[in-house]
Amino acid sequence: MGGGLDFPYVYESGGARFVSAAISKYIWVLINDRVGSGVIVKYRHFEEAESIYEIDHPIIRETGISLGLDSYKDGIEIATLADVVSGTGLGSSGAFGVALQLGFRKLLGRDPSLHMCAMSAYEVERKKLGESVGVQDHFIAAFGGFSRFAVDQEGVVKVQKNYLDKRIVDSLEKSVVLAYSGLARKSTDVLRHQEATYRSSQDTSINRVDKLREVADQMENALLGGSVSEYGVLLNDHWKAKRTSGGGMTNERIDGIYELGMSNGAIGGKLVGAGGGGYVMFVCNDAEKLRATLSKHSIEILEFSFVNHGVSLMDHEVVSRP
C-alpha cells in the first residue's frame, strides 16, 4: 500500500509511508574473484573490459565506480540470473541493485548493512543515473517480509518489519492472483512522465496524492483488522486514483484483464508497479476459480508466496579434486 508515494517530490513535502511485501521470485548476482585483471559481465549481453568505467551496463558500472571497484587488485567476473523478466512491475531493477551492492560491499570490505545497501542502490539509480525511481523497491528487496516503511522529509527511511500478523499474511496470500499482461516496459519512462506531470500541475497532483494516501491508510487499516475482503474492495479505489496520473499508466490490454478478473469473481484489482505493463493483482474469494478463468484466456499466472527474507549473501567454495 502506498505505491506512488515513495518519490522525493512526494515525501519532501510531508513525508510518506508505505507497506510492501517480498515474494518468492529472485534475482541472483554472482561475483567471482578471478585470476588476472579486468572486468567480465554476463547478463543478456557479454561484456569484457579493462576497467569498470568501460562497462555499458549502467547499474553495474555506476555501482562499481561508487564503491571504488576500479582499485580492486584482481580480476572480477559478474553474472546475473532472474526468475522474472525486467519491466514487469515487480521491482527487479531495485532488487538487482541491492544484490549488487551487497556482493560488492562484501568483496571490498565495505558496510554491508541492509539499510546501506538499499539507500545506496536507490541513490545509484536516482542520483547517478537520473532515473525517476522511488525508494520502495530497494528497501523491500533489502529487508523482505511484509514490512512497513516511513520516509521523513529528509529522505530518511525507517523500517518496521513483519508488523502484520502471519495469519493475515497467509490469508492474503491465498486470496491474491497475479495475472501477467504480456507487456513489459521500462518503468522509468512511465515514472518520468508522471513526475513531470506532478511538477507541472501541482494543485491537481497534490489532490491525487492526498487521495492515494487516504486510500492507502484505509487499505492498511483493513489488513490490520484482518479484513482481506475490505482490502480487496479498496484496491479498486487505489487503482482508480492511481490511473489518473496518466503517462501510459494503463492501456486496452491491462483494462481488458482487469475487467475479465472483476467479472469472474475478483473482489478488487490493480496494476502492480509504475504502469504500462507487468502484472495485474487481484484479490478474490476463490483464487483457483479465477486462475482457471484467466488461463482459459491464455493469461499467464505467476505462482508465488510471501517470504520473510530480503537480500542475502550465499558464500560457496567449490573445490575441484583430481
C-alpha atoms as a PDB file:
ATOM      1  CA  MET A   1       0.000   0.000   0.000  1.00  0.00           C
ATOM      2  CA  GLY A   2       1.187   3.499  -0.684  1.00  0.00           C
ATOM      3  CA  GLY A   3       2.599   2.872  -4.125  1.00  0.00           C
ATOM      4  CA  GLY A   4       3.448   6.171  -5.816  1.00  0.00           C
ATOM      5  CA  LEU A   5       4.204   7.899  -2.505  1.00  0.00           C
ATOM      6  CA  ASP A   6       7.857   6.848  -2.211  1.00  0.00           C
ATOM      7  CA  PHE A   7       9.276   9.541  -4.516  1.00  0.00           C
ATOM      8  CA  PRO A   8      11.225  12.610  -3.337  1.00  0.00           C
ATOM      9  CA  TYR A   9       8.774  15.037  -4.907  1.00  0.00           C
ATOM     10  CA  VAL A  10       6.103  13.492  -2.661  1.00  0.00           C
ATOM     11  CA  TYR A  11       7.816  12.784   0.653  1.00  0.00           C
ATOM     12  CA  GLU A  12       9.821  16.027   0.695  1.00  0.00           C
ATOM     13  CA  SER A  13       6.581  17.954   1.181  1.00  0.00           C
ATOM     14  CA  GLY A  14       5.263  15.969   4.117  1.00  0.00           C
ATOM     15  CA  GLY A  15       6.846  12.578   4.461  1.00  0.00           C
ATOM     16  CA  ALA A  16       5.322   9.302   3.325  1.00  0.00           C
ATOM     17  CA  ARG A  17       4.740   5.756   4.406  1.00  0.00           C
ATOM     18  CA  PHE A  18       4.060   2.584   2.504  1.00  0.00           C
ATOM     19  CA  VAL A  19       3.716  -1.150   3.023  1.00  0.00           C
ATOM     20  CA  SER A  20       5.436  -3.677   0.783  1.00  0.00           C
ATOM     21  CA  ALA A  21       5.820  -7.441   0.660  1.00  0.00           C
ATOM     22  CA  ALA A  22       8.584  -9.642  -0.714  1.00  0.00           C
ATOM     23  CA  ILE A  23       7.613 -12.639  -2.839  1.00  0.00           C
ATOM     24  CA  SER A  24       9.374 -15.869  -3.754  1.00  0.00           C
ATOM     25  CA  LYS A  25      10.859 -14.643  -7.033  1.00  0.00           C
ATOM     26  CA  TYR A  26      14.548 -13.928  -7.086  1.00  0.00           C
ATOM     27  CA  ILE A  27      17.460 -12.269  -8.811  1.00  0.00           C
ATOM     28  CA  TRP A  28      20.918 -13.765  -8.364  1.00  0.00           C
ATOM     29  CA  VAL A  29      24.113 -11.784  -8.732  1.00  0.00           C
ATOM     30  CA  LEU A  30      27.187 -13.997  -8.967  1.00  0.00           C
ATOM     31  CA  ILE A  31      30.547 -12.346  -8.320  1.00  0.00           C
ATOM     32  CA  ASN A  32      33.721 -14.287  -8.960  1.00  0.00           C
ATOM     33  CA  ASP A  33      37.172 -13.121  -7.867  1.00  0.00           C
ATOM     34  CA  ARG A  34      39.259 -14.485 -10.730  1.00  0.00           C
ATOM     35  CA  VAL A  35      42.894 -14.639 -11.743  1.00  0.00           C
ATOM     36  CA  GLY A  36      44.029 -11.826 -13.998  1.00  0.00           C
ATOM     37  CA  SER A  37      42.725  -8.318 -14.399  1.00  0.00           C
ATOM     38  CA  GLY A  38      39.754  -6.507 -15.864  1.00  0.00           C
ATOM     39  CA  VAL A  39      36.006  -6.995 -15.594  1.00  0.00           C
ATOM     40  CA  ILE A  40      33.780  -9.600 -17.262  1.00  0.00           C
ATOM     41  CA  VAL A  41      29.986  -9.133 -17.114  1.00  0.00           C
ATOM     42  CA  LYS A  42      27.369 -11.674 -18.220  1.00  0.00           C
ATOM     43  CA  TYR A  43      23.669 -10.794 -18.425  1.00  0.00           C
ATOM     44  CA  ARG A  44      21.589 -10.562 -21.609  1.00  0.00           C
ATOM     45  CA  HIS A  45      24.863  -9.415 -23.134  1.00  0.00           C
ATOM     46  CA  PHE A  46      28.512 -10.258 -22.620  1.00  0.00           C
ATOM     47  CA  GLU A  47      30.974  -7.517 -21.748  1.00  0.00           C
ATOM     48  CA  GLU A  48      34.713  -7.628 -21.159  1.00  0.00           C
ATOM     49  CA  ALA A  49      36.714  -4.534 -20.252  1.00  0.00           C
ATOM     50  CA  GLU A  50      39.899  -3.486 -18.529  1.00  0.00           C
ATOM     51  CA  SER A  51      38.050  -1.150 -16.162  1.00  0.00           C
ATOM     52  CA  ILE A  52      34.631  -0.842 -14.545  1.00  0.00           C
ATOM     53  CA  TYR A  53      34.439   2.595 -16.196  1.00  0.00           C
ATOM     54  CA  GLU A  54      34.202   0.887 -19.593  1.00  0.00           C
ATOM     55  CA  ILE A  55      31.208  -1.333 -18.737  1.00  0.00           C
ATOM     56  CA  ASP A  56      27.997  -0.447 -20.588  1.00  0.00           C
ATOM     57  CA  HIS A  57      25.538  -1.868 -18.058  1.00  0.00           C
ATOM     58  CA  PRO A  58      24.605   1.336 -16.178  1.00  0.00           C
ATOM     59  CA  ILE A  59      23.768  -0.063 -12.736  1.00  0.00           C
ATOM     60  CA  ILE A  60      26.818  -2.349 -12.652  1.00  0.00           C
ATOM     61  CA  ARG A  61      29.095   0.431 -13.867  1.00  0.00           C
ATOM     62  CA  GLU A  62      27.889   3.151 -11.501  1.00  0.00           C
ATOM     63  CA  THR A  63      27.646   0.820  -8.500  1.00  0.00           C
ATOM     64  CA  GLY A  64      31.186  -0.369  -9.093  1.00  0.00           C
ATOM     65  CA  ILE A  65      32.512   3.162  -9.541  1.00  0.00           C
ATOM     66  CA  SER A  66      30.757   4.471  -6.420  1.00  0.00           C
ATOM     67  CA  LEU A  67      32.259   1.674  -4.308  1.00  0.00           C
ATOM     68  CA  GLY A  68      35.779   2.008  -5.714  1.00  0.00           C
ATOM     69  CA  LEU A  69      35.826  -1.266  -7.626  1.00  0.00           C
ATOM     70  CA  ASP A  70      38.342   0.230 -10.082  1.00  0.00           C
ATOM     71  CA  SER A  71      41.050  -0.053  -7.417  1.00  0.00           C
ATOM     72  CA  TYR A  72      40.414  -3.756  -6.775  1.00  0.00           C
ATOM     73  CA  LYS A  73      43.654  -5.602  -7.451  1.00  0.00           C
ATOM     74  CA  ASP A  74      42.307  -8.790  -9.049  1.00  0.00           C
ATOM     75  CA  GLY A  75      40.076  -9.562 -11.983  1.00  0.00           C
ATOM     76  CA  ILE A  76      36.351  -9.854 -11.396  1.00  0.00           C
ATOM     77  CA  GLU A  77      33.521 -11.667 -13.148  1.00  0.00           C
ATOM     78  CA  ILE A  78      29.860 -10.739 -12.648  1.00  0.00           C
ATOM     79  CA  ALA A  79      26.885 -12.789 -13.852  1.00  0.00           C
ATOM     80  CA  THR A  80      23.150 -12.341 -13.260  1.00  0.00           C
ATOM     81  CA  LEU A  81      20.125 -14.638 -13.295  1.00  0.00           C
ATOM     82  CA  ALA A  82      16.458 -13.788 -12.709  1.00  0.00           C
ATOM     83  CA  ASP A  83      13.139 -15.584 -12.156  1.00  0.00           C
ATOM     84  CA  VAL A  84      11.133 -12.886 -13.946  1.00  0.00           C
ATOM     85  CA  VAL A  85      11.861 -10.574 -16.841  1.00  0.00           C
ATOM     86  CA  SER A  86      12.508  -6.905 -16.212  1.00  0.00           C
ATOM     87  CA  GLY A  87       9.828  -4.299 -16.796  1.00  0.00           C
ATOM     88  CA  THR A  88       7.020  -6.238 -15.111  1.00  0.00           C
ATOM     89  CA  GLY A  89       6.411  -4.013 -12.084  1.00  0.00           C
ATOM     90  CA  LEU A  90       7.900  -6.422  -9.552  1.00  0.00           C
ATOM     91  CA  GLY A  91      10.881  -4.249  -8.634  1.00  0.00           C
ATOM     92  CA  SER A  92      13.542  -6.211 -10.494  1.00  0.00           C
ATOM     93  CA  SER A  93      15.955  -3.316 -11.074  1.00  0.00           C
ATOM     94  CA  GLY A  94      15.753  -2.323  -7.414  1.00  0.00           C
ATOM     95  CA  ALA A  95      16.354  -5.911  -6.312  1.00  0.00           C
ATOM     96  CA  PHE A  96      19.273  -6.217  -8.720  1.00  0.00           C
ATOM     97  CA  GLY A  97      20.866  -3.010  -7.462  1.00  0.00           C
ATOM     98  CA  VAL A  98      20.540  -4.086  -3.819  1.00  0.00           C
ATOM     99  CA  ALA A  99      22.022  -7.535  -4.517  1.00  0.00           C
ATOM    100  CA  LEU A 100      24.893  -5.931  -6.411  1.00  0.00           C
ATOM    101  CA  GLN A 101      25.544  -3.564  -3.501  1.00  0.00           C
ATOM    102  CA  LEU A 102      25.706  -6.434  -1.020  1.00  0.00           C
ATOM    103  CA  GLY A 103      28.018  -8.513  -3.211  1.00  0.00           C
ATOM    104  CA  PHE A 104      30.410  -5.684  -3.997  1.00  0.00           C
ATOM    105  CA  ARG A 105      30.445  -4.456  -0.396  1.00  0.00           C
ATOM    106  CA  LYS A 106      31.298  -7.924   0.889  1.00  0.00           C
ATOM    107  CA  LEU A 107      34.074  -8.237  -1.687  1.00  0.00           C
ATOM    108  CA  LEU A 108      35.536  -4.805  -0.909  1.00  0.00           C
ATOM    109  CA  GLY A 109      35.088  -4.842   2.866  1.00  0.00           C
ATOM    110  CA  ARG A 110      32.544  -2.007   2.882  1.00  0.00           C
ATOM    111  CA  ASP A 111      29.475  -1.549   5.124  1.00  0.00           C
ATOM    112  CA  PRO A 112      27.097  -4.400   4.105  1.00  0.00           C
ATOM    113  CA  SER A 113      24.111  -3.362   6.261  1.00  0.00           C
ATOM    114  CA  LEU A 114      20.681  -3.747   4.686  1.00  0.00           C
ATOM    115  CA  HIS A 115      19.860  -0.078   5.112  1.00  0.00           C
ATOM    116  CA  MET A 116      23.117   0.982   3.459  1.00  0.00           C
ATOM    117  CA  CYS A 117      22.618  -1.448   0.559  1.00  0.00           C
ATOM    118  CA  ALA A 118      19.054  -0.224  -0.024  1.00  0.00           C
ATOM    119  CA  MET A 119      19.797   3.503   0.141  1.00  0.00           C
ATOM    120  CA  SER A 120      22.982   3.237  -1.913  1.00  0.00           C
ATOM    121  CA  ALA A 121      21.238   1.215  -4.625  1.00  0.00           C
ATOM    122  CA  TYR A 122      18.460   3.810  -4.735  1.00  0.00           C
ATOM    123  CA  GLU A 123      20.964   6.663  -4.997  1.00  0.00           C
ATOM    124  CA  VAL A 124      22.784   4.983  -7.881  1.00  0.00           C
ATOM    125  CA  GLU A 125      19.564   4.858  -9.901  1.00  0.00           C
ATOM    126  CA  ARG A 126      18.122   8.185  -8.812  1.00  0.00           C
ATOM    127  CA  LYS A 127      21.181  10.412  -8.457  1.00  0.00           C
ATOM    128  CA  LYS A 128      23.891   8.805 -10.581  1.00  0.00           C
ATOM    129  CA  LEU A 129      21.743   7.604 -13.482  1.00  0.00           C
ATOM    130  CA  GLY A 130      18.954  10.192 -13.239  1.00  0.00           C
ATOM    131  CA  GLU A 131      16.185   7.596 -13.256  1.00  0.00           C
ATOM    132  CA  SER A 132      12.779   8.547 -11.875  1.00  0.00           C
ATOM    133  CA  VAL A 133      12.581   5.898  -9.149  1.00  0.00           C
ATOM    134  CA  GLY A 134      11.332   5.814  -5.571  1.00  0.00           C
ATOM    135  CA  VAL A 135      12.782   4.058  -2.536  1.00  0.00           C
ATOM    136  CA  GLN A 136      10.128   1.352  -2.169  1.00  0.00           C
ATOM    137  CA  ASP A 137      11.599  -1.352  -4.435  1.00  0.00           C
ATOM    138  CA  HIS A 138      15.101  -1.059  -2.978  1.00  0.00           C
ATOM    139  CA  PHE A 139      14.000  -1.221   0.641  1.00  0.00           C
ATOM    140  CA  ILE A 140      11.632  -4.164   0.313  1.00  0.00           C
ATOM    141  CA  ALA A 141      14.292  -6.026  -1.677  1.00  0.00           C
ATOM    142  CA  ALA A 142      16.750  -5.416   1.158  1.00  0.00           C
ATOM    143  CA  PHE A 143      14.526  -6.165   4.155  1.00  0.00           C
ATOM    144  CA  GLY A 144      11.892  -8.532   2.783  1.00  0.00           C
ATOM    145  CA  GLY A 145       8.927  -9.765   4.750  1.00  0.00           C
ATOM    146  CA  PHE A 146       5.619  -7.914   4.943  1.00  0.00           C
ATOM    147  CA  SER A 147       7.076  -4.596   6.057  1.00  0.00           C
ATOM    148  CA  ARG A 148       6.087  -1.001   6.718  1.00  0.00           C
ATOM    149  CA  PHE A 149       8.337   1.892   5.727  1.00  0.00           C
ATOM    150  CA  ALA A 150       8.172   5.547   6.780  1.00  0.00           C
ATOM    151  CA  VAL A 151      10.139   8.253   4.948  1.00  0.00           C
ATOM    152  CA  ASP A 152      10.640  11.676   6.506  1.00  0.00           C
ATOM    153  CA  GLN A 153      11.056  14.927   4.572  1.00  0.00           C
ATOM    154  CA  GLU A 154      14.840  14.470   4.539  1.00  0.00           C
ATOM    155  CA  GLY A 155      14.524  11.066   2.898  1.00  0.00           C
ATOM    156  CA  VAL A 156      15.445   9.030   5.984  1.00  0.00           C
ATOM    157  CA  VAL A 157      13.686   5.662   5.863  1.00  0.00           C
ATOM    158  CA  LYS A 158      12.533   3.816   8.982  1.00  0.00           C
ATOM    159  CA  VAL A 159      11.648   0.144   8.730  1.00  0.00           C
ATOM    160  CA  GLN A 160       9.070  -1.831  10.690  1.00  0.00           C
ATOM    161  CA  LYS A 161       9.460  -5.400   9.535  1.00  0.00           C
ATOM    162  CA  ASN A 162       6.757  -8.056   9.742  1.00  0.00           C
ATOM    163  CA  TYR A 163       4.312  -5.856  11.601  1.00  0.00           C
ATOM    164  CA  LEU A 164       1.330  -7.751  10.175  1.00  0.00           C
ATOM    165  CA  ASP A 165       0.073 -10.921  11.864  1.00  0.00           C
ATOM    166  CA  LYS A 166       1.166 -14.052   9.984  1.00  0.00           C
ATOM    167  CA  ARG A 167      -2.404 -15.376   9.865  1.00  0.00           C
ATOM    168  CA  ILE A 168      -3.465 -12.279   7.937  1.00  0.00           C
ATOM    169  CA  VAL A 169      -0.485 -12.582   5.597  1.00  0.00           C
ATOM    170  CA  ASP A 170      -1.358 -16.231   4.940  1.00  0.00           C
ATOM    171  CA  SER A 171      -4.984 -15.319   4.255  1.00  0.00           C
ATOM    172  CA  LEU A 172      -3.960 -12.603   1.824  1.00  0.00           C
ATOM    173  CA  GLU A 173      -1.532 -14.930   0.066  1.00  0.00           C
ATOM    174  CA  LYS A 174      -4.334 -17.443  -0.579  1.00  0.00           C
ATOM    175  CA  SER A 175      -6.558 -14.672  -1.971  1.00  0.00           C
ATOM    176  CA  VAL A 176      -4.140 -12.956  -4.373  1.00  0.00           C
ATOM    177  CA  VAL A 177      -3.767 -13.785  -8.050  1.00  0.00           C
ATOM    178  CA  LEU A 178      -1.084 -12.141 -10.222  1.00  0.00           C
ATOM    179  CA  ALA A 179      -2.018 -12.095 -13.908  1.00  0.00           C
ATOM    180  CA  TYR A 180       0.639 -11.186 -16.459  1.00  0.00           C
ATOM    181  CA  SER A 181      -0.411  -8.661 -19.086  1.00  0.00           C
ATOM    182  CA  GLY A 182       2.207  -9.949 -21.502  1.00  0.00           C
ATOM    183  CA  LEU A 183       3.608  -6.430 -21.717  1.00  0.00           C
ATOM    184  CA  ALA A 184       6.987  -5.344 -20.384  1.00  0.00           C
ATOM    185  CA  ARG A 185       8.052  -1.706 -20.255  1.00  0.00           C
ATOM    186  CA  LYS A 186      10.842   0.473 -18.914  1.00  0.00           C
ATOM    187  CA  SER A 187       9.222   1.716 -15.736  1.00  0.00           C
ATOM    188  CA  THR A 188      11.368   4.833 -15.507  1.00  0.00           C
ATOM    189  CA  ASP A 189       9.913   6.124 -18.799  1.00  0.00           C
ATOM    190  CA  VAL A 190       6.419   5.960 -17.277  1.00  0.00           C
ATOM    191  CA  LEU A 191       7.570   7.376 -13.942  1.00  0.00           C
ATOM    192  CA  ARG A 192       9.482  10.222 -15.554  1.00  0.00           C
ATOM    193  CA  HIS A 193       6.308  11.345 -17.322  1.00  0.00           C
ATOM    194  CA  GLN A 194       4.313  11.071 -14.087  1.00  0.00           C
ATOM    195  CA  GLU A 195       6.882  13.130 -12.204  1.00  0.00           C
ATOM    196  CA  ALA A 196       6.845  15.804 -14.907  1.00  0.00           C
ATOM    197  CA  THR A 197       3.050  15.866 -14.775  1.00  0.00           C
ATOM    198  CA  TYR A 198       3.128  16.243 -10.990  1.00  0.00           C
ATOM    199  CA  ARG A 199       5.509  19.196 -11.151  1.00  0.00           C
ATOM    200  CA  SER A 200       3.612  20.945 -13.951  1.00  0.00           C
ATOM    201  CA  SER A 201       0.176  20.730 -12.328  1.00  0.00           C
ATOM    202  CA  GLN A 202       0.827  20.617  -8.608  1.00  0.00           C
ATOM    203  CA  ASP A 203      -2.655  21.550  -7.388  1.00  0.00           C
ATOM    204  CA  THR A 204      -4.276  18.655  -9.228  1.00  0.00           C
ATOM    205  CA  SER A 205      -1.368  16.342  -8.437  1.00  0.00           C
ATOM    206  CA  ILE A 206      -1.426  17.124  -4.711  1.00  0.00           C
ATOM    207  CA  ASN A 207      -5.125  16.262  -4.613  1.00  0.00           C
ATOM    208  CA  ARG A 208      -4.386  12.953  -6.342  1.00  0.00           C
ATOM    209  CA  VAL A 209      -1.547  12.174  -3.925  1.00  0.00           C
ATOM    210  CA  ASP A 210      -3.788  13.026  -0.972  1.00  0.00           C
ATOM    211  CA  LYS A 211      -6.359  10.564  -2.323  1.00  0.00           C
ATOM    212  CA  LEU A 212      -3.682   7.870  -2.693  1.00  0.00           C
ATOM    213  CA  ARG A 213      -2.603   8.491   0.910  1.00  0.00           C
ATOM    214  CA  GLU A 214      -6.195   8.277   2.131  1.00  0.00           C
ATOM    215  CA  VAL A 215      -6.883   5.008   0.315  1.00  0.00           C
ATOM    216  CA  ALA A 216      -3.530   3.531   1.374  1.00  0.00           C
ATOM    217  CA  ASP A 217      -4.367   4.283   5.026  1.00  0.00           C
ATOM    218  CA  GLN A 218      -7.745   2.589   4.610  1.00  0.00           C
ATOM    219  CA  MET A 219      -6.125  -0.440   2.978  1.00  0.00           C
ATOM    220  CA  GLU A 220      -3.614  -0.741   5.795  1.00  0.00           C
ATOM    221  CA  ASN A 221      -6.342  -0.493   8.435  1.00  0.00           C
ATOM    222  CA  ALA A 222      -8.344  -3.166   6.635  1.00  0.00           C
ATOM    223  CA  LEU A 223      -5.420  -5.577   6.762  1.00  0.00           C
ATOM    224  CA  LEU A 224      -4.568  -4.736  10.364  1.00  0.00           C
ATOM    225  CA  GLY A 225      -8.184  -5.553  11.159  1.00  0.00           C
ATOM    226  CA  GLY A 226      -7.902  -8.857   9.347  1.00  0.00           C
ATOM    227  CA  SER A 227     -10.378  -7.990   6.576  1.00  0.00           C
ATOM    228  CA  VAL A 228      -8.846  -9.216   3.320  1.00  0.00           C
ATOM    229  CA  SER A 229     -12.174  -8.664   1.554  1.00  0.00           C
ATOM    230  CA  GLU A 230     -12.294  -4.978   2.528  1.00  0.00           C
ATOM    231  CA  TYR A 231      -8.686  -4.653   1.412  1.00  0.00           C
ATOM    232  CA  GLY A 232      -9.671  -6.122  -1.953  1.00  0.00           C
ATOM    233  CA  VAL A 233     -12.503  -3.644  -2.425  1.00  0.00           C
ATOM    234  CA  LEU A 234     -10.158  -0.765  -1.607  1.00  0.00           C
ATOM    235  CA  LEU A 235      -7.729  -1.972  -4.279  1.00  0.00           C
ATOM    236  CA  ASN A 236     -10.244  -0.704  -6.829  1.00  0.00           C
ATOM    237  CA  ASP A 237     -10.266   2.760  -5.238  1.00  0.00           C
ATOM    238  CA  HIS A 238      -6.476   2.816  -5.244  1.00  0.00           C
ATOM    239  CA  TRP A 239      -6.371   1.800  -8.918  1.00  0.00           C
ATOM    240  CA  LYS A 240      -8.906   4.461  -9.896  1.00  0.00           C
ATOM    241  CA  ALA A 241      -6.852   7.129  -8.127  1.00  0.00           C
ATOM    242  CA  LYS A 242      -3.534   5.906  -9.477  1.00  0.00           C
ATOM    243  CA  ARG A 243      -4.577   5.637 -13.105  1.00  0.00           C
ATOM    244  CA  THR A 244      -5.389   9.361 -13.203  1.00  0.00           C
ATOM    245  CA  SER A 245      -1.631  10.052 -13.145  1.00  0.00           C
ATOM    246  CA  GLY A 246      -1.543   9.308 -16.886  1.00  0.00           C
ATOM    247  CA  GLY A 247       1.729   8.755 -18.696  1.00  0.00           C
ATOM    248  CA  GLY A 248       0.722   5.395 -20.110  1.00  0.00           C
ATOM    249  CA  MET A 249      -0.432   4.048 -16.754  1.00  0.00           C
ATOM    250  CA  THR A 250      -2.914   1.728 -18.430  1.00  0.00           C
ATOM    251  CA  ASN A 251      -3.969   0.543 -21.876  1.00  0.00           C
ATOM    252  CA  GLU A 252      -6.543  -1.642 -23.616  1.00  0.00           C
ATOM    253  CA  ARG A 253      -4.769  -4.888 -22.690  1.00  0.00           C
ATOM    254  CA  ILE A 254      -4.488  -4.047 -18.994  1.00  0.00           C
ATOM    255  CA  ASP A 255      -8.061  -2.765 -18.814  1.00  0.00           C
ATOM    256  CA  GLY A 256      -9.259  -5.955 -20.523  1.00  0.00           C
ATOM    257  CA  ILE A 257      -7.548  -8.207 -17.976  1.00  0.00           C
ATOM    258  CA  TYR A 258      -8.854  -6.075 -15.114  1.00  0.00           C
ATOM    259  CA  GLU A 259     -12.437  -6.264 -16.404  1.00  0.00           C
ATOM    260  CA  LEU A 260     -12.127 -10.009 -17.019  1.00  0.00           C
ATOM    261  CA  GLY A 261     -10.988 -10.587 -13.456  1.00  0.00           C
ATOM    262  CA  MET A 262     -13.634  -8.329 -11.946  1.00  0.00           C
ATOM    263  CA  SER A 263     -16.398 -10.047 -13.870  1.00  0.00           C
ATOM    264  CA  ASN A 264     -15.192 -13.505 -12.804  1.00  0.00           C
ATOM    265  CA  GLY A 265     -15.082 -13.377  -9.044  1.00  0.00           C
ATOM    266  CA  ALA A 266     -12.393 -10.853  -8.117  1.00  0.00           C
ATOM    267  CA  ILE A 267     -13.228  -8.560  -5.214  1.00  0.00           C
ATOM    268  CA  GLY A 268     -10.736  -5.966  -6.378  1.00  0.00           C
ATOM    269  CA  GLY A 269      -7.699  -5.429  -8.505  1.00  0.00           C
ATOM    270  CA  LYS A 270      -4.995  -3.037  -9.665  1.00  0.00           C
ATOM    271  CA  LEU A 271      -1.905  -2.964 -11.804  1.00  0.00           C
ATOM    272  CA  VAL A 272       1.327  -3.589  -9.914  1.00  0.00           C
ATOM    273  CA  GLY A 273       4.180  -1.144 -10.460  1.00  0.00           C
ATOM    274  CA  ALA A 274       4.610   2.013 -12.483  1.00  0.00           C
ATOM    275  CA  GLY A 275       2.126   1.227 -15.250  1.00  0.00           C
ATOM    276  CA  GLY A 276       2.017   0.342 -18.905  1.00  0.00           C
ATOM    277  CA  GLY A 277       2.624  -3.375 -18.429  1.00  0.00           C
ATOM    278  CA  GLY A 278       3.532  -6.069 -15.960  1.00  0.00           C
ATOM    279  CA  TYR A 279       1.101  -7.808 -13.615  1.00  0.00           C
ATOM    280  CA  VAL A 280      -2.477  -7.139 -12.600  1.00  0.00           C
ATOM    281  CA  MET A 281      -3.064  -8.085  -8.974  1.00  0.00           C
ATOM    282  CA  PHE A 282      -6.471  -9.449  -7.988  1.00  0.00           C
ATOM    283  CA  VAL A 283      -7.902 -10.247  -4.565  1.00  0.00           C
ATOM    284  CA  CYS A 284     -10.664 -12.843  -4.641  1.00  0.00           C
ATOM    285  CA  ASN A 285     -12.597 -15.324  -2.518  1.00  0.00           C
ATOM    286  CA  ASP A 286     -11.970 -18.219  -4.902  1.00  0.00           C
ATOM    287  CA  ALA A 287      -8.453 -17.881  -6.288  1.00  0.00           C
ATOM    288  CA  GLU A 288      -8.469 -21.235  -8.079  1.00  0.00           C
ATOM    289  CA  LYS A 289     -11.626 -20.358  -9.990  1.00  0.00           C
ATOM    290  CA  LEU A 290     -10.150 -17.060 -11.139  1.00  0.00           C
ATOM    291  CA  ARG A 291      -6.867 -18.722 -12.134  1.00  0.00           C
ATOM    292  CA  ALA A 292      -8.794 -21.220 -14.249  1.00  0.00           C
ATOM    293  CA  THR A 293     -10.771 -18.462 -15.973  1.00  0.00           C
ATOM    294  CA  LEU A 294      -7.678 -16.415 -16.734  1.00  0.00           C
ATOM    295  CA  SER A 295      -5.848 -19.482 -18.030  1.00  0.00           C
ATOM    296  CA  LYS A 296      -8.696 -20.196 -20.459  1.00  0.00           C
ATOM    297  CA  HIS A 297      -7.981 -16.774 -21.942  1.00  0.00           C
ATOM    298  CA  SER A 298      -4.254 -17.624 -22.232  1.00  0.00           C
ATOM    299  CA  ILE A 299      -3.314 -15.191 -19.476  1.00  0.00           C
ATOM    300  CA  GLU A 300      -0.226 -16.336 -17.604  1.00  0.00           C
ATOM    301  CA  ILE A 301      -0.477 -16.622 -13.816  1.00  0.00           C
ATOM    302  CA  LEU A 302       2.535 -16.013 -11.577  1.00  0.00           C
ATOM    303  CA  GLU A 303       2.654 -18.526  -8.741  1.00  0.00           C
ATOM    304  CA  PHE A 304       4.297 -17.086  -5.624  1.00  0.00           C
ATOM    305  CA  SER A 305       4.370 -16.978  -1.855  1.00  0.00           C
ATOM    306  CA  PHE A 306       5.230 -14.155   0.528  1.00  0.00           C
ATOM    307  CA  VAL A 307       8.705 -14.602   2.024  1.00  0.00           C
ATOM    308  CA  ASN A 308      10.175 -13.312   5.246  1.00  0.00           C
ATOM    309  CA  HIS A 309      13.673 -12.598   3.945  1.00  0.00           C
ATOM    310  CA  GLY A 310      15.190  -9.941   1.757  1.00  0.00           C
ATOM    311  CA  VAL A 311      18.604  -9.847   0.136  1.00  0.00           C
ATOM    312  CA  SER A 312      21.068 -12.390   1.473  1.00  0.00           C
ATOM    313  CA  LEU A 313      24.623 -13.446   0.825  1.00  0.00           C
ATOM    314  CA  MET A 314      25.482 -17.011  -0.066  1.00  0.00           C
ATOM    315  CA  ASP A 315      29.174 -17.933   0.224  1.00  0.00           C
ATOM    316  CA  HIS A 316      30.068 -21.078  -1.676  1.00  0.00           C
ATOM    317  CA  GLU A 317      33.500 -22.583  -2.101  1.00  0.00           C
ATOM    318  CA  VAL A 318      33.782 -25.148  -4.859  1.00  0.00           C
ATOM    319  CA  VAL A 319      36.849 -27.377  -4.660  1.00  0.00           C
ATOM    320  CA  SER A 320      37.944 -29.302  -7.723  1.00  0.00           C
ATOM    321  CA  ARG A 321      39.645 -32.583  -6.911  1.00  0.00           C
ATOM    322  CA  PRO A 322      41.619 -34.743  -9.346  1.00  0.00           C
END
